[in-house]
Amino acid sequence: MTDVREEEVVSIDLLKRKMAEFSKERDWDQFHSPRNLLLALVGEVGELSEIFQWKGEVPKGLPDWKEEEKVHLGEELSDVLLYLVRLSDICGVDLGQAALRKLQLNALKYPVGISNGSSKKYNTYNNNNNSTDPATI
């Protein structure tokens, strides 16, 4: 596996290719079923959660965190991302396109004029424009 240059743009497609190469080199494709990848992802989300456990709310940028804590956070976030990218690849889902579509759907569910500054769920708004029918996008 080749190293990523620091200035290289990291895309979902690049991560997908790197994960496929990593898995193939180790003969791990046999273990990468959707179920196994999902369970690994859930485990990594648990490890990510442990980092924040008992800290209460923390400010953006984590100004009071030690550098090694931020490095550890980056590692756990990366584990979650990499398993998610691998799962989407194994399932044949274009994660980038799916994410863009989901943003469009969320924009319909949470119109700026109604949801601005509110944390309420979309179904609490009294509007007729919260359809998630893909044909309306």
Protein backbone atom coordinates (compact mmCIF):
# COMPACT_ATOMS: atom_id res chain seq x y z
CA MET A 1 0.00 0.00 0.00
CA THR A 2 1.33 3.39 -0.93
CA ASP A 3 1.51 6.21 1.56
CA VAL A 4 -0.76 9.19 1.16
CA ARG A 5 1.04 12.44 0.59
CA GLU A 6 0.02 15.08 3.10
CA GLU A 7 -1.07 17.46 0.34
CA GLU A 8 -3.14 14.78 -1.43
CA VAL A 9 -6.87 15.41 -1.49
CA VAL A 10 -8.56 12.62 0.44
CA SER A 11 -11.83 11.56 -1.16
CA ILE A 12 -14.27 8.81 -0.33
CA ASP A 13 -13.17 7.06 -3.53
CA LEU A 14 -9.53 7.19 -2.45
CA LEU A 15 -10.41 5.73 0.95
CA LYS A 16 -12.53 3.05 -0.72
CA ARG A 17 -9.63 2.04 -2.98
CA LYS A 18 -7.13 2.07 -0.12
CA MET A 19 -9.41 -0.05 2.08
CA ALA A 20 -10.00 -2.55 -0.74
CA GLU A 21 -6.24 -2.80 -1.34
CA PHE A 22 -5.53 -3.15 2.39
CA SER A 23 -8.10 -5.92 2.72
CA LYS A 24 -6.96 -7.76 -0.40
CA GLU A 25 -3.30 -7.70 0.67
CA ARG A 26 -4.27 -9.43 3.91
CA ASP A 27 -6.86 -11.81 2.40
CA TRP A 28 -9.53 -10.25 4.60
CA ASP A 29 -12.25 -9.98 1.95
CA GLN A 30 -13.55 -13.32 3.18
CA PHE A 31 -14.35 -11.72 6.54
CA HIS A 32 -15.81 -8.47 5.21
CA SER A 33 -19.46 -9.38 5.01
CA PRO A 34 -21.92 -6.52 5.54
CA ARG A 35 -22.87 -7.95 8.96
CA ASN A 36 -19.27 -8.28 10.14
CA LEU A 37 -18.38 -4.79 8.95
CA LEU A 38 -21.45 -3.31 10.63
CA LEU A 39 -20.60 -5.00 13.92
CA ALA A 40 -17.01 -3.76 13.67
CA LEU A 41 -18.33 -0.25 12.96
CA VAL A 42 -20.60 -0.38 16.02
CA GLY A 43 -17.64 -1.50 18.14
CA GLU A 44 -15.57 1.43 16.90
CA VAL A 45 -18.41 3.87 17.62
CA GLY A 46 -18.38 2.46 21.16
CA GLU A 47 -14.64 3.15 21.43
CA LEU A 48 -15.21 6.67 20.12
CA SER A 49 -17.97 7.18 22.69
CA GLU A 50 -15.64 6.13 25.52
CA ILE A 51 -13.38 9.07 24.74
CA PHE A 52 -16.21 11.50 25.58
CA GLN A 53 -17.69 9.47 28.43
CA TRP A 54 -17.74 11.37 31.73
CA LYS A 55 -16.38 14.57 30.18
CA GLY A 56 -19.73 16.35 29.98
CA GLU A 57 -20.11 18.93 27.25
CA VAL A 58 -16.84 19.98 25.67
CA PRO A 59 -16.25 23.17 23.68
CA LYS A 60 -15.61 23.13 19.95
CA GLY A 61 -11.98 22.64 19.09
CA LEU A 62 -11.38 20.79 22.38
CA PRO A 63 -9.11 23.57 23.76
CA ASP A 64 -8.58 21.86 27.13
CA TRP A 65 -7.61 18.49 25.66
CA LYS A 66 -4.04 17.24 25.61
CA GLU A 67 -2.47 16.61 22.22
CA GLU A 68 -2.37 12.84 22.80
CA GLU A 69 -6.11 12.89 23.55
CA LYS A 70 -6.76 14.64 20.22
CA VAL A 71 -4.53 12.13 18.41
CA HIS A 72 -6.46 9.26 20.00
CA LEU A 73 -9.74 10.93 18.99
CA GLY A 74 -8.49 11.19 15.41
CA GLU A 75 -7.61 7.50 15.39
CA GLU A 76 -11.04 6.45 16.63
CA LEU A 77 -12.84 8.81 14.24
CA SER A 78 -10.75 7.31 11.45
CA ASP A 79 -11.67 3.76 12.47
CA VAL A 80 -15.36 4.69 12.25
CA LEU A 81 -14.92 6.39 8.88
CA LEU A 82 -12.91 3.54 7.39
CA TYR A 83 -15.37 0.86 8.46
CA LEU A 84 -18.25 2.99 7.12
CA VAL A 85 -16.51 3.45 3.78
CA ARG A 86 -15.71 -0.27 3.57
CA LEU A 87 -19.30 -1.23 4.48
CA SER A 88 -20.73 1.06 1.82
CA ASP A 89 -18.33 -0.36 -0.77
CA ILE A 90 -19.16 -3.98 0.09
CA CYS A 91 -22.89 -3.13 -0.07
CA GLY A 92 -22.52 -1.37 -3.42
CA VAL A 93 -23.64 2.01 -2.11
CA ASP A 94 -21.99 5.15 -3.47
CA LEU A 95 -21.53 6.81 -0.10
CA GLY A 96 -20.74 10.25 -1.51
CA GLN A 97 -23.87 10.32 -3.67
CA ALA A 98 -25.99 8.86 -0.86
CA ALA A 99 -24.74 11.58 1.51
CA LEU A 100 -25.51 14.34 -0.99
CA ARG A 101 -29.00 12.92 -1.54
CA LYS A 102 -29.54 12.75 2.23
CA LEU A 103 -28.53 16.42 2.55
CA GLN A 104 -31.16 17.27 -0.07
CA LEU A 105 -33.79 15.28 1.81
CA ASN A 106 -32.82 16.97 5.09
CA ALA A 107 -33.09 20.40 3.46
CA LEU A 108 -36.70 19.54 2.60
CA LYS A 109 -37.41 18.24 6.11
CA TYR A 110 -35.77 21.22 7.78
CA PRO A 111 -36.48 24.37 5.75
CA VAL A 112 -34.33 27.30 6.89
CA GLY A 113 -37.26 29.58 7.64
CA ILE A 114 -38.88 27.08 9.99
CA SER A 115 -35.99 25.19 11.52
CA ASN A 116 -33.42 27.97 11.93
CA GLY A 117 -32.17 27.93 15.53
CA SER A 118 -34.41 25.03 16.52
CA SER A 119 -33.42 21.49 17.51
CA LYS A 120 -36.94 20.13 17.07
CA LYS A 121 -37.44 17.05 14.91
CA TYR A 122 -38.91 17.67 11.46
CA ASN A 123 -42.23 16.00 12.29
CA THR A 124 -42.98 18.68 14.92
CA TYR A 125 -43.10 21.40 12.26
CA ASN A 126 -46.47 22.18 10.80
CA ASN A 127 -45.61 22.43 7.13
CA ASN A 128 -46.49 20.64 3.94
CA ASN A 129 -42.98 20.77 2.45
CA ASN A 130 -41.39 17.96 4.43
CA SER A 131 -41.92 15.25 1.83
CA THR A 132 -39.03 12.86 1.42
CA ASP A 133 -40.27 11.58 -1.91
CA PRO A 134 -37.15 11.42 -4.13
CA ALA A 135 -39.26 12.40 -7.14
CA THR A 136 -39.80 15.84 -5.59
CA ILE A 137 -36.10 16.57 -5.21
